[in-house]
Amino acid sequence: MKKFIITAASAAMLFAVPLAASADPGTETKTVTVQPTYEEITPLSLLLDAPSTVINGQGYPSFKYNTSTPENVRTFIQNVGTTTITYKLKDPSGNIWQSGTLTAGQSYQSTYSWTSAQNGQWTWEINQNNGLQATVKLTVRSDV
């Protein structure tokens, strides 16, 4: 899937805003035609997008990772609730790749270089120690 960015000059043309130039007030106006230019953007593969995951005491959101070539994977976790949480990101073998504590409003992001050795089901372990409700935002993306 390819995405494109349209330059400001192209946007003016698309919205029928003429780009005009004239030498002096007594001469006729000439309309300048601008050809749109596109810049290709490398898309990201969205592995997990959970903008508002509610956890009652403890939760285990997960995502599946599968690749045949090395790529960068970006993880993001944000505590959008009002209580402090602890979290861990575990690989398919149960190894902990990241862990920490986030107070209300705090977030953490990281980038990893993963290969096919990391293929499988990954799990976030999220805990709110006193059993109260917690809300987190989770995103995992890989370069394509």
C-alpha atoms as a PDB file:
ATOM      1  CA  MET A   1       0.000   0.000   0.000  1.00  0.00           C
ATOM      2  CA  LYS A   2       1.510   3.330  -1.014  1.00  0.00           C
ATOM      3  CA  LYS A   3       0.641   6.678   0.486  1.00  0.00           C
ATOM      4  CA  PHE A   4       1.442  10.038  -1.032  1.00  0.00           C
ATOM      5  CA  ILE A   5       1.956  13.570   0.215  1.00  0.00           C
ATOM      6  CA  ILE A   6       0.725  16.423  -1.948  1.00  0.00           C
ATOM      7  CA  THR A   7       2.727  19.646  -1.858  1.00  0.00           C
ATOM      8  CA  ALA A   8       1.108  22.947  -0.873  1.00  0.00           C
ATOM      9  CA  ALA A   9       1.189  24.151  -4.488  1.00  0.00           C
ATOM     10  CA  SER A  10      -0.632  21.006  -5.558  1.00  0.00           C
ATOM     11  CA  ALA A  11      -3.197  21.469  -2.811  1.00  0.00           C
ATOM     12  CA  ALA A  12      -3.870  25.002  -4.022  1.00  0.00           C
ATOM     13  CA  MET A  13      -4.518  23.610  -7.489  1.00  0.00           C
ATOM     14  CA  LEU A  14      -6.823  20.867  -6.160  1.00  0.00           C
ATOM     15  CA  PHE A  15      -8.891  23.393  -4.231  1.00  0.00           C
ATOM     16  CA  ALA A  16      -9.201  25.665  -7.283  1.00  0.00           C
ATOM     17  CA  VAL A  17      -7.082  28.457  -5.858  1.00  0.00           C
ATOM     18  CA  PRO A  18      -5.370  30.022  -8.863  1.00  0.00           C
ATOM     19  CA  LEU A  19      -1.732  30.941  -8.570  1.00  0.00           C
ATOM     20  CA  ALA A  20      -1.533  34.193 -10.515  1.00  0.00           C
ATOM     21  CA  ALA A  21       1.273  36.550 -11.466  1.00  0.00           C
ATOM     22  CA  SER A  22       1.137  39.949 -13.096  1.00  0.00           C
ATOM     23  CA  ALA A  23       3.762  42.534 -13.990  1.00  0.00           C
ATOM     24  CA  ASP A  24       1.673  45.627 -13.236  1.00  0.00           C
ATOM     25  CA  PRO A  25      -1.967  46.430 -12.515  1.00  0.00           C
ATOM     26  CA  GLY A  26      -2.689  47.290 -16.161  1.00  0.00           C
ATOM     27  CA  THR A  27      -1.744  43.914 -17.680  1.00  0.00           C
ATOM     28  CA  GLU A  28      -3.794  40.766 -17.845  1.00  0.00           C
ATOM     29  CA  THR A  29      -3.432  38.059 -15.194  1.00  0.00           C
ATOM     30  CA  LYS A  30      -1.745  34.830 -16.212  1.00  0.00           C
ATOM     31  CA  THR A  31      -2.625  31.577 -14.491  1.00  0.00           C
ATOM     32  CA  VAL A  32       0.294  29.316 -13.652  1.00  0.00           C
ATOM     33  CA  THR A  33      -0.364  25.578 -13.826  1.00  0.00           C
ATOM     34  CA  VAL A  34       1.494  23.524 -11.238  1.00  0.00           C
ATOM     35  CA  GLN A  35       1.909  19.780 -11.670  1.00  0.00           C
ATOM     36  CA  PRO A  36       1.438  17.870  -8.410  1.00  0.00           C
ATOM     37  CA  THR A  37       4.521  16.195  -6.969  1.00  0.00           C
ATOM     38  CA  TYR A  38       4.271  13.115  -4.807  1.00  0.00           C
ATOM     39  CA  GLU A  39       6.599  11.786  -2.163  1.00  0.00           C
ATOM     40  CA  GLU A  40       6.334   8.110  -1.342  1.00  0.00           C
ATOM     41  CA  ILE A  41       5.980   7.245   2.344  1.00  0.00           C
ATOM     42  CA  THR A  42       7.106   3.882   3.637  1.00  0.00           C
ATOM     43  CA  PRO A  43       4.086   2.386   5.404  1.00  0.00           C
ATOM     44  CA  LEU A  44       4.212   0.718   8.786  1.00  0.00           C
ATOM     45  CA  SER A  45       2.571  -2.555   9.597  1.00  0.00           C
ATOM     46  CA  LEU A  46       0.238  -2.133  12.558  1.00  0.00           C
ATOM     47  CA  LEU A  47       0.603  -5.165  14.809  1.00  0.00           C
ATOM     48  CA  LEU A  48      -1.436  -3.843  17.732  1.00  0.00           C
ATOM     49  CA  ASP A  49      -3.518  -0.706  18.088  1.00  0.00           C
ATOM     50  CA  ALA A  50      -5.478  -0.539  21.316  1.00  0.00           C
ATOM     51  CA  PRO A  51      -6.279   3.121  22.008  1.00  0.00           C
ATOM     52  CA  SER A  52      -8.286   2.446  25.160  1.00  0.00           C
ATOM     53  CA  THR A  53      -7.751  -0.923  26.815  1.00  0.00           C
ATOM     54  CA  VAL A  54      -9.472  -1.197  30.200  1.00  0.00           C
ATOM     55  CA  ILE A  55      -7.843  -3.497  32.741  1.00  0.00           C
ATOM     56  CA  ASN A  56      -9.603  -4.579  35.927  1.00  0.00           C
ATOM     57  CA  GLY A  57      -6.665  -5.337  38.214  1.00  0.00           C
ATOM     58  CA  GLN A  58      -4.711  -7.364  35.652  1.00  0.00           C
ATOM     59  CA  GLY A  59      -4.770  -7.798  31.859  1.00  0.00           C
ATOM     60  CA  TYR A  60      -2.890  -9.541  29.067  1.00  0.00           C
ATOM     61  CA  PRO A  61      -3.329  -7.852  25.657  1.00  0.00           C
ATOM     62  CA  SER A  62      -1.317  -9.651  22.981  1.00  0.00           C
ATOM     63  CA  PHE A  63      -0.256  -9.496  19.340  1.00  0.00           C
ATOM     64  CA  LYS A  64       1.223 -11.909  16.819  1.00  0.00           C
ATOM     65  CA  TYR A  65       4.555 -11.121  15.173  1.00  0.00           C
ATOM     66  CA  ASN A  66       5.720 -12.932  12.032  1.00  0.00           C
ATOM     67  CA  THR A  67       8.502 -11.931   9.634  1.00  0.00           C
ATOM     68  CA  SER A  68      11.073 -13.506   7.347  1.00  0.00           C
ATOM     69  CA  THR A  69      13.365 -10.454   7.158  1.00  0.00           C
ATOM     70  CA  PRO A  70      14.855  -8.235   9.899  1.00  0.00           C
ATOM     71  CA  GLU A  71      12.874  -5.098  10.670  1.00  0.00           C
ATOM     72  CA  ASN A  72      12.455  -2.410  13.303  1.00  0.00           C
ATOM     73  CA  VAL A  73       9.523  -2.767  15.682  1.00  0.00           C
ATOM     74  CA  ARG A  74       8.247   0.165  17.726  1.00  0.00           C
ATOM     75  CA  THR A  75       6.285  -0.303  20.932  1.00  0.00           C
ATOM     76  CA  PHE A  76       4.286   2.329  22.799  1.00  0.00           C
ATOM     77  CA  ILE A  77       2.404   2.111  26.071  1.00  0.00           C
ATOM     78  CA  GLN A  78       0.614   4.990  27.802  1.00  0.00           C
ATOM     79  CA  ASN A  79      -1.275   5.060  31.070  1.00  0.00           C
ATOM     80  CA  VAL A  80      -4.386   7.073  30.173  1.00  0.00           C
ATOM     81  CA  GLY A  81      -6.113   6.195  33.425  1.00  0.00           C
ATOM     82  CA  THR A  82      -5.884   7.721  36.883  1.00  0.00           C
ATOM     83  CA  THR A  83      -4.068   4.953  38.783  1.00  0.00           C
ATOM     84  CA  THR A  84      -0.454   3.739  38.633  1.00  0.00           C
ATOM     85  CA  ILE A  85       0.234   0.568  36.621  1.00  0.00           C
ATOM     86  CA  THR A  86       3.142  -1.821  36.168  1.00  0.00           C
ATOM     87  CA  TYR A  87       3.748  -3.512  32.820  1.00  0.00           C
ATOM     88  CA  LYS A  88       5.894  -6.118  31.097  1.00  0.00           C
ATOM     89  CA  LEU A  89       6.278  -7.029  27.430  1.00  0.00           C
ATOM     90  CA  LYS A  90       6.976 -10.751  27.064  1.00  0.00           C
ATOM     91  CA  ASP A  91       8.175 -12.609  23.973  1.00  0.00           C
ATOM     92  CA  PRO A  92       6.722 -15.982  22.880  1.00  0.00           C
ATOM     93  CA  SER A  93       9.208 -17.808  25.165  1.00  0.00           C
ATOM     94  CA  GLY A  94       8.194 -15.764  28.218  1.00  0.00           C
ATOM     95  CA  ASN A  95      11.322 -13.576  28.294  1.00  0.00           C
ATOM     96  CA  ILE A  96      10.716  -9.992  29.455  1.00  0.00           C
ATOM     97  CA  TRP A  97      11.782  -7.387  26.857  1.00  0.00           C
ATOM     98  CA  GLN A  98      10.606  -4.350  28.773  1.00  0.00           C
ATOM     99  CA  SER A  99       9.022  -3.585  32.098  1.00  0.00           C
ATOM    100  CA  GLY A 100       8.260  -0.578  34.213  1.00  0.00           C
ATOM    101  CA  THR A 101       5.836   1.517  36.201  1.00  0.00           C
ATOM    102  CA  LEU A 102       3.706   4.296  34.736  1.00  0.00           C
ATOM    103  CA  THR A 103       1.786   6.850  36.758  1.00  0.00           C
ATOM    104  CA  ALA A 104      -1.307   8.521  35.305  1.00  0.00           C
ATOM    105  CA  GLY A 105      -0.460  10.220  31.996  1.00  0.00           C
ATOM    106  CA  GLN A 106       3.032   8.718  31.633  1.00  0.00           C
ATOM    107  CA  SER A 107       4.109   6.768  28.542  1.00  0.00           C
ATOM    108  CA  TYR A 108       7.055   4.732  27.313  1.00  0.00           C
ATOM    109  CA  GLN A 109       8.178   3.891  23.780  1.00  0.00           C
ATOM    110  CA  SER A 110      11.009   1.817  22.393  1.00  0.00           C
ATOM    111  CA  THR A 111      12.370   0.522  19.097  1.00  0.00           C
ATOM    112  CA  TYR A 112      13.783  -2.965  18.597  1.00  0.00           C
ATOM    113  CA  SER A 113      15.463  -4.750  15.680  1.00  0.00           C
ATOM    114  CA  TRP A 114      13.640  -8.055  15.373  1.00  0.00           C
ATOM    115  CA  THR A 115      14.184 -11.054  13.112  1.00  0.00           C
ATOM    116  CA  SER A 116      12.302 -14.300  12.550  1.00  0.00           C
ATOM    117  CA  ALA A 117      13.710 -15.457  15.921  1.00  0.00           C
ATOM    118  CA  GLN A 118      11.083 -13.191  17.541  1.00  0.00           C
ATOM    119  CA  ASN A 119       8.138 -14.688  15.608  1.00  0.00           C
ATOM    120  CA  GLY A 120       5.138 -15.739  17.672  1.00  0.00           C
ATOM    121  CA  GLN A 121       2.579 -14.465  20.166  1.00  0.00           C
ATOM    122  CA  TRP A 122       3.800 -11.501  22.273  1.00  0.00           C
ATOM    123  CA  THR A 123       1.991 -10.486  25.456  1.00  0.00           C
ATOM    124  CA  TRP A 124       1.723  -7.309  27.482  1.00  0.00           C
ATOM    125  CA  GLU A 125       1.210  -8.034  31.181  1.00  0.00           C
ATOM    126  CA  ILE A 126      -0.461  -5.037  32.812  1.00  0.00           C
ATOM    127  CA  ASN A 127      -1.137  -4.838  36.539  1.00  0.00           C
ATOM    128  CA  GLN A 128      -2.949  -2.353  38.715  1.00  0.00           C
ATOM    129  CA  ASN A 129      -1.858  -3.490  42.171  1.00  0.00           C
ATOM    130  CA  ASN A 130      -4.975  -2.690  44.199  1.00  0.00           C
ATOM    131  CA  GLY A 131      -7.407  -4.246  41.707  1.00  0.00           C
ATOM    132  CA  LEU A 132      -8.840  -0.949  40.535  1.00  0.00           C
ATOM    133  CA  GLN A 133      -9.629  -0.237  36.916  1.00  0.00           C
ATOM    134  CA  ALA A 134      -6.767   1.036  34.743  1.00  0.00           C
ATOM    135  CA  THR A 135      -6.841   2.274  31.137  1.00  0.00           C
ATOM    136  CA  VAL A 136      -3.863   2.012  28.809  1.00  0.00           C
ATOM    137  CA  LYS A 137      -3.080   2.818  25.185  1.00  0.00           C
ATOM    138  CA  LEU A 138      -0.939   0.226  23.388  1.00  0.00           C
ATOM    139  CA  THR A 139       0.585   0.431  19.918  1.00  0.00           C
ATOM    140  CA  VAL A 140       3.055  -1.897  18.193  1.00  0.00           C
ATOM    141  CA  ARG A 141       4.244  -1.183  14.640  1.00  0.00           C
ATOM    142  CA  SER A 142       6.852  -2.703  12.363  1.00  0.00           C
ATOM    143  CA  ASP A 143       8.634  -1.207   9.368  1.00  0.00           C
ATOM    144  CA  VAL A 144       7.565  -2.822   6.143  1.00  0.00           C
END
